[in-house]
Amino acid sequence: MADCRETLRELDRYLDDEVATEALAPVVAHLDGCTDCQQAFEFHAELKRVIRSSARGDELPDGLVQRLEACFGADDATTDGGTDGPVAG
């Protein structure tokens, strides 16, 4: 079973449905039994909903995606229609 530290570390990925299948059961089991982690989960879920609804309809500034890709090293992304590297901006 996951402990609080492991569960909180996986919380954002869990909320985004990005937790690996084999890691999902321990996180869910811990959330079912830990009031503190349940509260953290509810807070993060509501925060994501508020941000999502507040940002709906906002346009991204020019070049933002390219700058983010550069910052986070989008080496594995195929952002230019199928080549193996980031798009030059």
C-alpha atoms as a PDB file:
ATOM      1  CA  MET A   1       0.000   0.000   0.000  1.00  0.00           C
ATOM      2  CA  ALA A   2       1.195   3.511  -0.778  1.00  0.00           C
ATOM      3  CA  ASP A   3       2.046   5.852   2.082  1.00  0.00           C
ATOM      4  CA  CYS A   4       1.156   9.556   2.266  1.00  0.00           C
ATOM      5  CA  ARG A   5       4.413  10.688   0.674  1.00  0.00           C
ATOM      6  CA  GLU A   6       4.010   8.347  -2.321  1.00  0.00           C
ATOM      7  CA  THR A   7       0.338   9.210  -2.710  1.00  0.00           C
ATOM      8  CA  LEU A   8       0.922  12.956  -2.639  1.00  0.00           C
ATOM      9  CA  ARG A   9       3.773  12.578  -5.124  1.00  0.00           C
ATOM     10  CA  GLU A  10       1.388  10.779  -7.525  1.00  0.00           C
ATOM     11  CA  LEU A  11      -1.589  13.082  -6.880  1.00  0.00           C
ATOM     12  CA  ASP A  12      -1.294  15.354  -9.922  1.00  0.00           C
ATOM     13  CA  ARG A  13      -0.677  12.415 -12.242  1.00  0.00           C
ATOM     14  CA  TYR A  14      -3.668  10.627 -10.682  1.00  0.00           C
ATOM     15  CA  LEU A  15      -5.876  13.665 -11.279  1.00  0.00           C
ATOM     16  CA  ASP A  16      -4.685  13.791 -14.899  1.00  0.00           C
ATOM     17  CA  ASP A  17      -5.251  10.015 -15.407  1.00  0.00           C
ATOM     18  CA  GLU A  18      -1.524   9.524 -15.947  1.00  0.00           C
ATOM     19  CA  VAL A  19      -0.754   7.013 -13.179  1.00  0.00           C
ATOM     20  CA  ALA A  20       0.491   3.685 -14.501  1.00  0.00           C
ATOM     21  CA  THR A  21      -2.051   0.881 -14.132  1.00  0.00           C
ATOM     22  CA  GLU A  22       0.119  -1.079 -11.698  1.00  0.00           C
ATOM     23  CA  ALA A  23       0.531   1.995  -9.463  1.00  0.00           C
ATOM     24  CA  LEU A  24      -3.155   2.953  -9.476  1.00  0.00           C
ATOM     25  CA  ALA A  25      -4.535   0.441  -6.939  1.00  0.00           C
ATOM     26  CA  PRO A  26      -2.201   1.424  -4.071  1.00  0.00           C
ATOM     27  CA  VAL A  27      -2.911   5.137  -4.600  1.00  0.00           C
ATOM     28  CA  VAL A  28      -6.690   4.592  -4.660  1.00  0.00           C
ATOM     29  CA  ALA A  29      -6.516   2.323  -1.617  1.00  0.00           C
ATOM     30  CA  HIS A  30      -4.526   4.922   0.299  1.00  0.00           C
ATOM     31  CA  LEU A  31      -6.914   7.726  -0.681  1.00  0.00           C
ATOM     32  CA  ASP A  32      -9.852   5.596   0.488  1.00  0.00           C
ATOM     33  CA  GLY A  33      -8.338   5.222   3.939  1.00  0.00           C
ATOM     34  CA  CYS A  34      -6.453   8.463   4.618  1.00  0.00           C
ATOM     35  CA  THR A  35      -8.437  11.568   5.490  1.00  0.00           C
ATOM     36  CA  ASP A  36      -5.431  13.885   5.089  1.00  0.00           C
ATOM     37  CA  CYS A  37      -4.683  12.640   1.577  1.00  0.00           C
ATOM     38  CA  GLN A  38      -8.386  12.747   0.689  1.00  0.00           C
ATOM     39  CA  GLN A  39      -8.444  16.419   1.669  1.00  0.00           C
ATOM     40  CA  ALA A  40      -5.320  17.099  -0.396  1.00  0.00           C
ATOM     41  CA  PHE A  41      -6.905  15.265  -3.338  1.00  0.00           C
ATOM     42  CA  GLU A  42     -10.129  17.293  -3.058  1.00  0.00           C
ATOM     43  CA  PHE A  43      -8.172  20.558  -2.839  1.00  0.00           C
ATOM     44  CA  HIS A  44      -6.031  19.766  -5.892  1.00  0.00           C
ATOM     45  CA  ALA A  45      -9.039  18.537  -7.880  1.00  0.00           C
ATOM     46  CA  GLU A  46     -10.960  21.742  -7.136  1.00  0.00           C
ATOM     47  CA  LEU A  47      -7.917  23.894  -7.912  1.00  0.00           C
ATOM     48  CA  LYS A  48      -7.553  22.199 -11.306  1.00  0.00           C
ATOM     49  CA  ARG A  49     -11.277  22.759 -12.009  1.00  0.00           C
ATOM     50  CA  VAL A  50     -11.043  26.449 -11.089  1.00  0.00           C
ATOM     51  CA  ILE A  51      -7.929  27.012 -13.201  1.00  0.00           C
ATOM     52  CA  ARG A  52      -9.427  25.103 -16.138  1.00  0.00           C
ATOM     53  CA  SER A  53     -12.678  27.079 -16.046  1.00  0.00           C
ATOM     54  CA  SER A  54     -10.893  30.413 -15.532  1.00  0.00           C
ATOM     55  CA  ALA A  55      -8.535  29.837 -18.440  1.00  0.00           C
ATOM     56  CA  ARG A  56     -11.187  28.550 -20.831  1.00  0.00           C
ATOM     57  CA  GLY A  57     -11.202  30.691 -23.919  1.00  0.00           C
ATOM     58  CA  ASP A  58      -7.888  32.370 -23.170  1.00  0.00           C
ATOM     59  CA  GLU A  59      -5.491  32.363 -26.094  1.00  0.00           C
ATOM     60  CA  LEU A  60      -1.890  31.317 -25.575  1.00  0.00           C
ATOM     61  CA  PRO A  61       0.715  34.017 -26.164  1.00  0.00           C
ATOM     62  CA  ASP A  62       2.712  33.667 -29.378  1.00  0.00           C
ATOM     63  CA  GLY A  63       5.607  31.240 -28.993  1.00  0.00           C
ATOM     64  CA  LEU A  64       4.570  29.937 -25.552  1.00  0.00           C
ATOM     65  CA  VAL A  65       4.386  26.291 -26.598  1.00  0.00           C
ATOM     66  CA  GLN A  66       7.823  26.464 -28.209  1.00  0.00           C
ATOM     67  CA  ARG A  67       9.333  28.108 -25.121  1.00  0.00           C
ATOM     68  CA  LEU A  68       7.800  25.447 -22.863  1.00  0.00           C
ATOM     69  CA  GLU A  69       9.085  22.685 -25.093  1.00  0.00           C
ATOM     70  CA  ALA A  70      12.547  24.237 -24.973  1.00  0.00           C
ATOM     71  CA  CYS A  71      12.417  24.495 -21.163  1.00  0.00           C
ATOM     72  CA  PHE A  72      11.202  20.959 -20.634  1.00  0.00           C
ATOM     73  CA  GLY A  73      13.298  19.367 -23.351  1.00  0.00           C
ATOM     74  CA  ALA A  74      10.635  18.089 -25.704  1.00  0.00           C
ATOM     75  CA  ASP A  75      13.140  15.589 -27.114  1.00  0.00           C
ATOM     76  CA  ASP A  76      10.512  12.857 -27.360  1.00  0.00           C
ATOM     77  CA  ALA A  77       7.744  15.066 -28.763  1.00  0.00           C
ATOM     78  CA  THR A  78       6.898  15.096 -32.418  1.00  0.00           C
ATOM     79  CA  THR A  79       5.721  18.654 -32.582  1.00  0.00           C
ATOM     80  CA  ASP A  80       6.467  19.355 -36.209  1.00  0.00           C
ATOM     81  CA  GLY A  81       4.413  16.721 -37.922  1.00  0.00           C
ATOM     82  CA  GLY A  82       6.576  13.672 -37.518  1.00  0.00           C
ATOM     83  CA  THR A  83      10.273  14.477 -37.204  1.00  0.00           C
ATOM     84  CA  ASP A  84      12.242  13.396 -34.188  1.00  0.00           C
ATOM     85  CA  GLY A  85      13.003  16.745 -32.602  1.00  0.00           C
ATOM     86  CA  PRO A  86      11.400  19.941 -31.399  1.00  0.00           C
ATOM     87  CA  VAL A  87      10.318  22.552 -33.859  1.00  0.00           C
ATOM     88  CA  ALA A  88      12.738  25.436 -34.248  1.00  0.00           C
ATOM     89  CA  GLY A  89      11.067  28.671 -33.273  1.00  0.00           C
END
